[in-house]
């Protein structure tokens, strides 16, 4: 396959992760289309690279396990449905063992993001902030949930260079 086509497909991962983060940050939703586009781009890249079926199967297994785990967390009310699907589609791309780093990075970034949100939502800080409307007003309003897609996307971007899929991209040139 064309090298340009492969590059476009590789760039789809960070582009879609960033789109998911921005959409979640501004609307508290992650459209299903983003997670589906991530999955579709993975399969297109796997085909373009001629990835062995055993490798593709390993990635699918990691993504499926992440989806089941995400569904359990959603059922418990700990994360949103979009977060579960975004995590699973990122795990599909990253495979094993990069998913380990992704999950750890996501938890750490999520913790830092939570501290930032708690600080911005504290009465003492809010008293000195200009009145904000729109998405930023909602983001800084006490009692609002955290748009965790931001942490998921940053964790995915941090883990992406370690994905075994990248090894196949390098060896195909």
N, C-alpha and C. Protein backbone atom coordinates (compact mmCIF):
# COMPACT_ATOMS: atom_id res chain seq x y z
N UNK A 1 0.84 -1.20 0.00
CA UNK A 1 0.00 0.00 0.00
C UNK A 1 0.88 1.25 0.00
N UNK A 2 0.28 2.32 -0.36
CA UNK A 2 0.96 3.59 -0.43
C UNK A 2 1.44 4.06 0.94
N UNK A 3 2.65 4.57 0.98
CA UNK A 3 3.21 5.10 2.21
C UNK A 3 2.38 6.27 2.72
N UNK A 4 1.91 7.11 1.83
CA UNK A 4 1.08 8.26 2.22
C UNK A 4 -0.19 7.78 2.89
N UNK A 5 -0.81 6.75 2.34
CA UNK A 5 -2.04 6.20 2.92
C UNK A 5 -1.77 5.67 4.33
N UNK A 6 -0.65 4.99 4.51
CA UNK A 6 -0.29 4.48 5.84
C UNK A 6 -0.06 5.62 6.82
N UNK A 7 0.59 6.67 6.38
CA UNK A 7 0.84 7.82 7.25
C UNK A 7 -0.47 8.48 7.66
N UNK A 8 -1.38 8.62 6.70
CA UNK A 8 -2.70 9.20 7.02
C UNK A 8 -3.40 8.35 8.08
N UNK A 9 -3.33 7.05 7.93
CA UNK A 9 -3.98 6.16 8.90
C UNK A 9 -3.32 6.24 10.28
N UNK A 10 -2.01 6.33 10.31
CA UNK A 10 -1.31 6.46 11.60
C UNK A 10 -1.67 7.77 12.28
N UNK A 11 -1.75 8.84 11.51
CA UNK A 11 -2.09 10.16 12.06
C UNK A 11 -3.54 10.20 12.55
N UNK A 12 -4.36 9.30 12.05
CA UNK A 12 -5.76 9.26 12.49
C UNK A 12 -5.87 9.02 13.99
N UNK A 13 -4.97 8.21 14.55
CA UNK A 13 -5.06 7.92 15.99
C UNK A 13 -4.92 9.18 16.84
N UNK A 14 -3.81 9.92 16.73
CA UNK A 14 -3.73 11.13 17.57
C UNK A 14 -4.79 12.17 17.22
N UNK A 15 -5.12 12.29 15.95
CA UNK A 15 -6.14 13.29 15.56
C UNK A 15 -7.49 12.96 16.19
N UNK A 16 -7.89 11.71 16.13
CA UNK A 16 -9.19 11.33 16.70
C UNK A 16 -9.17 11.37 18.23
N UNK A 17 -8.03 11.04 18.83
CA UNK A 17 -7.92 11.13 20.30
C UNK A 17 -8.08 12.58 20.75
N UNK A 18 -7.44 13.49 20.04
CA UNK A 18 -7.55 14.92 20.37
C UNK A 18 -8.99 15.40 20.14
N UNK A 19 -9.60 14.96 19.05
CA UNK A 19 -11.00 15.34 18.78
C UNK A 19 -11.92 14.86 19.90
N UNK A 20 -11.69 13.65 20.38
CA UNK A 20 -12.51 13.11 21.48
C UNK A 20 -12.33 13.94 22.75
N UNK A 21 -11.08 14.30 23.05
CA UNK A 21 -10.81 15.10 24.25
C UNK A 21 -11.50 16.46 24.17
N UNK A 22 -11.37 17.12 23.03
CA UNK A 22 -11.98 18.44 22.86
C UNK A 22 -13.51 18.37 22.93
N UNK A 23 -14.08 17.35 22.30
CA UNK A 23 -15.53 17.20 22.32
C UNK A 23 -16.02 16.93 23.74
N UNK A 24 -15.31 16.07 24.48
CA UNK A 24 -15.71 15.76 25.86
C UNK A 24 -15.54 16.99 26.75
N UNK A 25 -14.48 17.73 26.55
CA UNK A 25 -14.21 18.92 27.34
C UNK A 25 -15.30 19.98 27.15
N UNK A 26 -15.79 20.11 25.94
CA UNK A 26 -16.74 21.17 25.64
C UNK A 26 -18.20 20.75 25.72
N UNK A 27 -18.47 19.44 25.70
CA UNK A 27 -19.87 19.00 25.70
C UNK A 27 -20.19 17.85 26.64
N UNK A 28 -19.17 17.30 27.28
CA UNK A 28 -19.34 16.14 28.17
C UNK A 28 -19.89 14.93 27.42
N UNK A 29 -19.58 14.84 26.15
CA UNK A 29 -19.95 13.67 25.36
C UNK A 29 -18.79 13.31 24.44
N UNK A 30 -18.69 12.02 24.15
CA UNK A 30 -17.75 11.53 23.15
C UNK A 30 -18.59 10.80 22.12
N UNK A 31 -18.74 11.36 20.93
CA UNK A 31 -19.59 10.72 19.93
C UNK A 31 -19.12 9.31 19.57
N UNK A 32 -20.07 8.43 19.37
CA UNK A 32 -19.74 7.06 18.97
C UNK A 32 -18.92 7.05 17.69
N UNK A 33 -19.15 8.02 16.82
CA UNK A 33 -18.43 8.08 15.56
C UNK A 33 -16.92 8.17 15.72
N UNK A 34 -16.47 8.82 16.79
CA UNK A 34 -15.03 8.92 17.01
C UNK A 34 -14.45 7.56 17.36
N UNK A 35 -15.10 6.84 18.26
CA UNK A 35 -14.62 5.50 18.63
C UNK A 35 -14.70 4.54 17.45
N UNK A 36 -15.76 4.64 16.67
CA UNK A 36 -15.90 3.79 15.48
C UNK A 36 -14.84 4.13 14.43
N UNK A 37 -14.56 5.42 14.27
CA UNK A 37 -13.52 5.83 13.31
C UNK A 37 -12.15 5.33 13.75
N UNK A 38 -11.88 5.36 15.06
CA UNK A 38 -10.62 4.80 15.57
C UNK A 38 -10.51 3.32 15.23
N UNK A 39 -11.58 2.58 15.49
CA UNK A 39 -11.57 1.14 15.20
C UNK A 39 -11.40 0.90 13.70
N UNK A 40 -12.14 1.63 12.90
CA UNK A 40 -12.03 1.46 11.45
C UNK A 40 -10.65 1.79 10.93
N UNK A 41 -10.06 2.86 11.45
CA UNK A 41 -8.70 3.24 11.01
C UNK A 41 -7.68 2.18 11.42
N UNK A 42 -7.89 1.57 12.59
CA UNK A 42 -6.98 0.49 13.02
C UNK A 42 -7.02 -0.66 12.01
N UNK A 43 -8.23 -1.11 11.68
CA UNK A 43 -8.35 -2.24 10.76
C UNK A 43 -7.83 -1.90 9.37
N UNK A 44 -8.05 -0.67 8.94
CA UNK A 44 -7.52 -0.24 7.64
C UNK A 44 -5.99 -0.23 7.66
N UNK A 45 -5.40 0.27 8.75
CA UNK A 45 -3.94 0.29 8.84
C UNK A 45 -3.39 -1.13 8.94
N UNK A 46 -4.05 -1.98 9.70
CA UNK A 46 -3.60 -3.37 9.81
C UNK A 46 -3.57 -4.04 8.44
N UNK A 47 -4.60 -3.78 7.65
CA UNK A 47 -4.65 -4.34 6.29
C UNK A 47 -3.57 -3.72 5.40
N UNK A 48 -3.40 -2.40 5.52
CA UNK A 48 -2.41 -1.71 4.69
C UNK A 48 -0.99 -2.17 5.00
N UNK A 49 -0.75 -2.52 6.25
CA UNK A 49 0.58 -2.97 6.66
C UNK A 49 0.76 -4.48 6.45
N UNK A 50 -0.32 -5.16 6.15
CA UNK A 50 -0.23 -6.62 6.03
C UNK A 50 0.04 -7.27 7.37
N UNK A 51 -0.54 -6.71 8.41
CA UNK A 51 -0.34 -7.23 9.77
C UNK A 51 -0.80 -8.68 9.84
N UNK A 52 0.01 -9.55 10.43
CA UNK A 52 -0.41 -10.95 10.56
C UNK A 52 -1.72 -11.06 11.35
N UNK A 53 -2.53 -12.01 10.98
CA UNK A 53 -3.83 -12.21 11.63
C UNK A 53 -3.67 -12.43 13.14
N UNK A 54 -2.58 -13.07 13.55
CA UNK A 54 -2.36 -13.30 14.98
C UNK A 54 -2.14 -11.97 15.71
N UNK A 55 -1.48 -11.01 15.06
CA UNK A 55 -1.28 -9.69 15.65
C UNK A 55 -2.60 -8.94 15.75
N UNK A 56 -3.37 -8.98 14.68
CA UNK A 56 -4.67 -8.32 14.68
C UNK A 56 -5.54 -8.93 15.78
N UNK A 57 -5.53 -10.24 15.90
CA UNK A 57 -6.30 -10.92 16.94
C UNK A 57 -5.89 -10.50 18.33
N UNK A 58 -4.60 -10.32 18.54
CA UNK A 58 -4.12 -9.85 19.85
C UNK A 58 -4.64 -8.47 20.17
N UNK A 59 -4.64 -7.60 19.19
CA UNK A 59 -5.16 -6.24 19.39
C UNK A 59 -6.67 -6.28 19.67
N UNK A 60 -7.38 -7.11 18.93
CA UNK A 60 -8.83 -7.23 19.13
C UNK A 60 -9.11 -7.76 20.54
N UNK A 61 -8.33 -8.72 20.99
CA UNK A 61 -8.52 -9.26 22.34
C UNK A 61 -8.32 -8.19 23.40
N UNK A 62 -7.26 -7.40 23.27
CA UNK A 62 -7.01 -6.32 24.23
C UNK A 62 -8.15 -5.30 24.20
N UNK A 63 -8.60 -4.94 23.01
CA UNK A 63 -9.72 -4.00 22.89
C UNK A 63 -11.00 -4.56 23.49
N UNK A 64 -11.26 -5.85 23.27
CA UNK A 64 -12.48 -6.48 23.81
C UNK A 64 -12.44 -6.53 25.33
N UNK A 65 -11.30 -6.87 25.88
CA UNK A 65 -11.16 -6.90 27.35
C UNK A 65 -11.38 -5.50 27.92
N UNK A 66 -10.81 -4.50 27.25
CA UNK A 66 -11.00 -3.11 27.70
C UNK A 66 -12.47 -2.70 27.61
N UNK A 67 -13.15 -3.13 26.56
CA UNK A 67 -14.57 -2.79 26.42
C UNK A 67 -15.40 -3.44 27.53
N UNK A 68 -15.12 -4.69 27.83
CA UNK A 68 -15.84 -5.37 28.91
C UNK A 68 -15.57 -4.68 30.25
N UNK A 69 -14.30 -4.35 30.51
CA UNK A 69 -13.96 -3.63 31.74
C UNK A 69 -14.63 -2.27 31.79
N UNK A 70 -14.63 -1.57 30.66
CA UNK A 70 -15.27 -0.26 30.60
C UNK A 70 -16.77 -0.34 30.80
N UNK A 71 -17.38 -1.39 30.26
CA UNK A 71 -18.83 -1.58 30.45
C UNK A 71 -19.14 -1.83 31.92
N UNK A 72 -18.27 -2.56 32.60
CA UNK A 72 -18.48 -2.81 34.03
C UNK A 72 -18.36 -1.50 34.81
N UNK A 73 -17.37 -0.68 34.49
CA UNK A 73 -17.21 0.61 35.16
C UNK A 73 -18.38 1.54 34.86
N UNK A 74 -18.90 1.48 33.63
CA UNK A 74 -20.07 2.27 33.26
C UNK A 74 -21.29 1.80 34.06
N UNK A 75 -21.46 0.48 34.17
CA UNK A 75 -22.61 -0.06 34.92
C UNK A 75 -22.57 0.36 36.38
N UNK A 76 -21.36 0.52 36.91
CA UNK A 76 -21.20 0.98 38.30
C UNK A 76 -21.37 2.50 38.43
N UNK A 77 -21.44 3.19 37.30
CA UNK A 77 -21.60 4.64 37.32
C UNK A 77 -20.29 5.38 37.54
N UNK A 78 -19.17 4.72 37.33
CA UNK A 78 -17.88 5.34 37.58
C UNK A 78 -17.35 6.11 36.38
N UNK A 79 -17.73 5.69 35.18
CA UNK A 79 -17.31 6.40 33.96
C UNK A 79 -18.51 6.47 33.02
N UNK A 80 -18.39 7.30 32.01
CA UNK A 80 -19.45 7.41 31.01
C UNK A 80 -19.29 6.35 29.94
N UNK A 81 -20.35 6.14 29.18
CA UNK A 81 -20.32 5.17 28.09
C UNK A 81 -19.32 5.54 27.01
N UNK A 82 -19.23 6.83 26.71
CA UNK A 82 -18.25 7.28 25.72
C UNK A 82 -16.83 7.04 26.17
N UNK A 83 -16.59 7.20 27.47
CA UNK A 83 -15.26 6.93 28.03
C UNK A 83 -14.90 5.46 27.84
N UNK A 84 -15.85 4.57 28.10
CA UNK A 84 -15.62 3.13 27.97
C UNK A 84 -15.29 2.78 26.52
N UNK A 85 -16.04 3.33 25.58
CA UNK A 85 -15.82 3.02 24.17
C UNK A 85 -14.51 3.64 23.65
N UNK A 86 -14.20 4.85 24.10
CA UNK A 86 -12.95 5.48 23.68
C UNK A 86 -11.76 4.69 24.22
N UNK A 87 -11.83 4.27 25.47
CA UNK A 87 -10.75 3.48 26.06
C UNK A 87 -10.55 2.19 25.27
N UNK A 88 -11.64 1.51 24.96
CA UNK A 88 -11.54 0.25 24.22
C UNK A 88 -10.94 0.45 22.83
N UNK A 89 -11.35 1.51 22.14
CA UNK A 89 -10.81 1.73 20.79
C UNK A 89 -9.33 2.13 20.85
N UNK A 90 -8.94 2.83 21.90
CA UNK A 90 -7.51 3.15 22.07
C UNK A 90 -6.71 1.87 22.36
N UNK A 91 -7.26 1.01 23.20
CA UNK A 91 -6.58 -0.26 23.51
C UNK A 91 -6.46 -1.13 22.26
N UNK A 92 -7.47 -1.09 21.40
CA UNK A 92 -7.41 -1.82 20.13
C UNK A 92 -6.17 -1.38 19.34
N UNK A 93 -5.93 -0.10 19.27
CA UNK A 93 -4.77 0.44 18.56
C UNK A 93 -3.46 0.09 19.26
N UNK A 94 -3.44 0.22 20.58
CA UNK A 94 -2.18 0.11 21.32
C UNK A 94 -1.72 -1.32 21.49
N UNK A 95 -2.65 -2.26 21.63
CA UNK A 95 -2.25 -3.64 21.84
C UNK A 95 -1.58 -3.82 23.20
N UNK A 96 -1.00 -5.01 23.36
CA UNK A 96 -0.31 -5.32 24.60
C UNK A 96 1.16 -5.32 24.32
N UNK A 97 2.05 -4.77 25.07
CA UNK A 97 1.92 -4.26 26.42
C UNK A 97 1.69 -2.76 26.53
N UNK A 98 1.58 -2.04 25.42
CA UNK A 98 1.42 -0.58 25.49
C UNK A 98 0.16 -0.17 26.25
N UNK A 99 -0.84 -1.05 26.28
CA UNK A 99 -2.06 -0.74 27.02
C UNK A 99 -1.77 -0.56 28.51
N UNK A 100 -0.80 -1.26 29.04
CA UNK A 100 -0.43 -1.09 30.45
C UNK A 100 -0.02 0.35 30.71
N UNK A 101 0.88 0.86 29.89
CA UNK A 101 1.32 2.24 30.04
C UNK A 101 0.19 3.22 29.82
N UNK A 102 -0.67 2.93 28.85
CA UNK A 102 -1.82 3.78 28.57
C UNK A 102 -2.73 3.89 29.79
N UNK A 103 -3.06 2.77 30.39
CA UNK A 103 -3.95 2.79 31.56
C UNK A 103 -3.31 3.53 32.73
N UNK A 104 -2.03 3.30 32.96
CA UNK A 104 -1.33 3.99 34.04
C UNK A 104 -1.27 5.49 33.76
N UNK A 105 -0.89 5.86 32.54
CA UNK A 105 -0.83 7.28 32.17
C UNK A 105 -2.20 7.94 32.31
N UNK A 106 -3.25 7.23 31.91
CA UNK A 106 -4.60 7.77 31.99
C UNK A 106 -5.01 8.02 33.44
N UNK A 107 -4.69 7.08 34.32
CA UNK A 107 -5.02 7.25 35.74
C UNK A 107 -4.26 8.44 36.33
N UNK A 108 -2.97 8.56 36.02
CA UNK A 108 -2.17 9.66 36.56
C UNK A 108 -2.67 11.01 36.02
N UNK A 109 -2.88 11.08 34.70
CA UNK A 109 -3.38 12.32 34.10
C UNK A 109 -4.77 12.64 34.65
N UNK A 110 -5.61 11.61 34.82
CA UNK A 110 -6.94 11.82 35.38
C UNK A 110 -6.87 12.37 36.79
N UNK A 111 -5.93 11.90 37.59
CA UNK A 111 -5.76 12.42 38.95
C UNK A 111 -5.33 13.88 38.94
N UNK A 112 -4.38 14.21 38.09
CA UNK A 112 -3.92 15.60 37.98
C UNK A 112 -5.06 16.49 37.49
N UNK A 113 -5.80 16.01 36.51
CA UNK A 113 -6.93 16.76 35.96
C UNK A 113 -8.00 16.97 37.04
N UNK A 114 -8.23 15.95 37.86
CA UNK A 114 -9.22 16.08 38.94
C UNK A 114 -8.80 17.14 39.95
N UNK A 115 -7.52 17.17 40.29
CA UNK A 115 -7.02 18.19 41.22
C UNK A 115 -7.20 19.59 40.63
N UNK A 116 -6.90 19.72 39.34
CA UNK A 116 -7.09 21.02 38.67
C UNK A 116 -8.56 21.43 38.71
N UNK A 117 -9.45 20.49 38.39
CA UNK A 117 -10.88 20.81 38.42
C UNK A 117 -11.36 21.15 39.82
N UNK A 118 -10.91 20.40 40.81
CA UNK A 118 -11.31 20.69 42.19
C UNK A 118 -10.82 22.07 42.61
N UNK A 119 -9.63 22.43 42.17
CA UNK A 119 -9.09 23.75 42.49
C UNK A 119 -9.93 24.84 41.82
N UNK A 120 -10.23 24.65 40.54
CA UNK A 120 -11.02 25.65 39.81
C UNK A 120 -12.45 25.76 40.35
N UNK A 121 -12.93 24.68 40.95
CA UNK A 121 -14.30 24.66 41.46
C UNK A 121 -14.39 25.07 42.94
N UNK A 122 -13.24 25.28 43.57
CA UNK A 122 -13.24 25.66 44.99
C UNK A 122 -13.82 27.07 45.16
N UNK A 123 -14.61 27.29 46.22
CA UNK A 123 -15.24 28.61 46.42
C UNK A 123 -14.23 29.76 46.45
N UNK A 124 -13.09 29.56 47.09
CA UNK A 124 -12.09 30.62 47.18
C UNK A 124 -11.57 31.02 45.79
N UNK A 125 -11.34 30.05 44.93
CA UNK A 125 -10.84 30.34 43.58
C UNK A 125 -11.96 30.94 42.73
N UNK A 126 -13.15 30.36 42.83
CA UNK A 126 -14.28 30.87 42.02
C UNK A 126 -14.61 32.32 42.36
N UNK A 127 -14.39 32.70 43.60
CA UNK A 127 -14.68 34.08 44.00
C UNK A 127 -13.79 35.09 43.27
N UNK A 128 -12.63 34.63 42.80
CA UNK A 128 -11.68 35.52 42.13
C UNK A 128 -11.62 35.31 40.62
N UNK A 129 -12.44 34.42 40.12
CA UNK A 129 -12.47 34.18 38.67
C UNK A 129 -13.56 35.04 38.04
N UNK A 130 -13.30 35.50 36.84
CA UNK A 130 -14.39 36.21 36.15
C UNK A 130 -15.53 35.24 35.88
N UNK A 131 -16.72 35.75 35.78
CA UNK A 131 -17.87 34.90 35.51
C UNK A 131 -17.68 34.28 34.13
N UNK A 132 -17.76 32.97 34.11
CA UNK A 132 -17.56 32.25 32.85
C UNK A 132 -18.85 31.56 32.46
N UNK A 133 -19.15 31.62 31.21
CA UNK A 133 -20.32 30.94 30.70
C UNK A 133 -19.90 29.82 29.77
N UNK A 134 -20.85 29.22 29.11
CA UNK A 134 -20.56 28.18 28.13
C UNK A 134 -19.89 26.98 28.74
N UNK A 135 -19.07 26.32 27.93
CA UNK A 135 -18.45 25.07 28.36
C UNK A 135 -17.49 25.29 29.52
N UNK A 136 -16.77 26.42 29.54
CA UNK A 136 -15.82 26.65 30.63
C UNK A 136 -16.55 26.91 31.94
N UNK A 137 -17.67 27.61 31.88
CA UNK A 137 -18.48 27.81 33.08
C UNK A 137 -18.97 26.50 33.66
N UNK A 138 -19.42 25.61 32.76
CA UNK A 138 -19.87 24.30 33.23
C UNK A 138 -18.70 23.49 33.77
N UNK A 139 -17.55 23.55 33.11
CA UNK A 139 -16.37 22.81 33.54
C UNK A 139 -15.94 23.22 34.95
N UNK A 140 -16.07 24.50 35.27
CA UNK A 140 -15.61 25.00 36.57
C UNK A 140 -16.72 25.06 37.61
N UNK A 141 -17.92 24.61 37.24
CA UNK A 141 -19.04 24.65 38.18
C UNK A 141 -18.94 23.49 39.18
N UNK A 142 -19.09 23.78 40.46
CA UNK A 142 -19.06 22.71 41.47
C UNK A 142 -20.15 21.68 41.20
N UNK A 143 -19.81 20.43 41.42
CA UNK A 143 -20.77 19.35 41.27
C UNK A 143 -20.86 18.74 39.88
N UNK A 144 -20.24 19.38 38.90
CA UNK A 144 -20.25 18.82 37.55
C UNK A 144 -19.28 17.64 37.49
N UNK A 145 -19.56 16.67 36.62
CA UNK A 145 -18.62 15.55 36.47
C UNK A 145 -17.35 16.01 35.76
N UNK A 146 -16.35 15.17 35.78
CA UNK A 146 -15.10 15.46 35.06
C UNK A 146 -15.19 14.84 33.67
N UNK A 147 -14.86 15.60 32.64
CA UNK A 147 -14.84 15.02 31.29
C UNK A 147 -13.58 14.14 31.14
N UNK A 148 -13.72 12.87 31.51
CA UNK A 148 -12.56 11.98 31.61
C UNK A 148 -11.96 11.64 30.25
N UNK A 149 -12.67 11.94 29.17
CA UNK A 149 -12.11 11.72 27.85
C UNK A 149 -10.81 12.49 27.63
N UNK A 150 -10.65 13.59 28.36
CA UNK A 150 -9.40 14.37 28.27
C UNK A 150 -8.24 13.52 28.77
N UNK A 151 -8.40 12.89 29.93
CA UNK A 151 -7.34 12.04 30.49
C UNK A 151 -7.09 10.82 29.61
N UNK A 152 -8.16 10.24 29.08
CA UNK A 152 -8.01 9.07 28.22
C UNK A 152 -7.21 9.44 26.97
N UNK A 153 -7.53 10.56 26.37
CA UNK A 153 -6.82 10.98 25.16
C UNK A 153 -5.35 11.28 25.44
N UNK A 154 -5.07 11.98 26.53
CA UNK A 154 -3.67 12.28 26.84
C UNK A 154 -2.91 11.00 27.15
N UNK A 155 -3.53 10.09 27.90
CA UNK A 155 -2.89 8.79 28.18
C UNK A 155 -2.61 8.03 26.89
N UNK A 156 -3.55 8.08 25.95
CA UNK A 156 -3.36 7.39 24.67
C UNK A 156 -2.22 8.01 23.87
N UNK A 157 -2.15 9.34 23.86
CA UNK A 157 -1.08 10.01 23.13
C UNK A 157 0.29 9.71 23.73
N UNK A 158 0.34 9.62 25.05
CA UNK A 158 1.61 9.29 25.71
C UNK A 158 2.04 7.86 25.42
N UNK A 159 1.09 6.94 25.32
CA UNK A 159 1.40 5.53 25.10
C UNK A 159 1.61 5.18 23.63
N UNK A 160 1.11 6.00 22.74
CA UNK A 160 1.13 5.68 21.31
C UNK A 160 2.51 5.32 20.75
N UNK A 161 3.57 6.04 21.09
CA UNK A 161 4.88 5.67 20.53
C UNK A 161 5.34 4.26 20.94
N UNK A 162 4.81 3.73 22.04
CA UNK A 162 5.21 2.40 22.51
C UNK A 162 4.36 1.28 21.91
N UNK A 163 3.35 1.63 21.13
CA UNK A 163 2.46 0.61 20.56
C UNK A 163 3.22 -0.27 19.59
N UNK A 164 2.97 -1.58 19.67
CA UNK A 164 3.67 -2.49 18.76
C UNK A 164 3.28 -2.26 17.31
N UNK A 165 2.14 -1.65 17.09
CA UNK A 165 1.71 -1.31 15.73
C UNK A 165 2.71 -0.36 15.07
N UNK A 166 3.29 0.52 15.85
CA UNK A 166 4.29 1.46 15.33
C UNK A 166 5.51 0.72 14.80
N UNK A 167 5.86 -0.40 15.44
CA UNK A 167 7.00 -1.22 14.98
C UNK A 167 6.72 -1.72 13.55
N UNK A 168 5.48 -2.12 13.29
CA UNK A 168 5.12 -2.59 11.96
C UNK A 168 5.15 -1.46 10.94
N UNK A 169 4.79 -0.25 11.35
CA UNK A 169 4.83 0.89 10.44
C UNK A 169 6.28 1.16 10.06
N UNK A 170 7.19 1.13 11.05
CA UNK A 170 8.60 1.40 10.76
C UNK A 170 9.21 0.34 9.85
N UNK A 171 8.83 -0.92 10.04
CA UNK A 171 9.44 -1.97 9.24
C UNK A 171 8.84 -2.08 7.85
N UNK A 172 7.74 -1.40 7.60
CA UNK A 172 7.12 -1.49 6.28
C UNK A 172 7.76 -0.52 5.28
N UNK A 173 8.61 0.39 5.75
CA UNK A 173 9.23 1.35 4.83
C UNK A 173 10.54 0.84 4.31
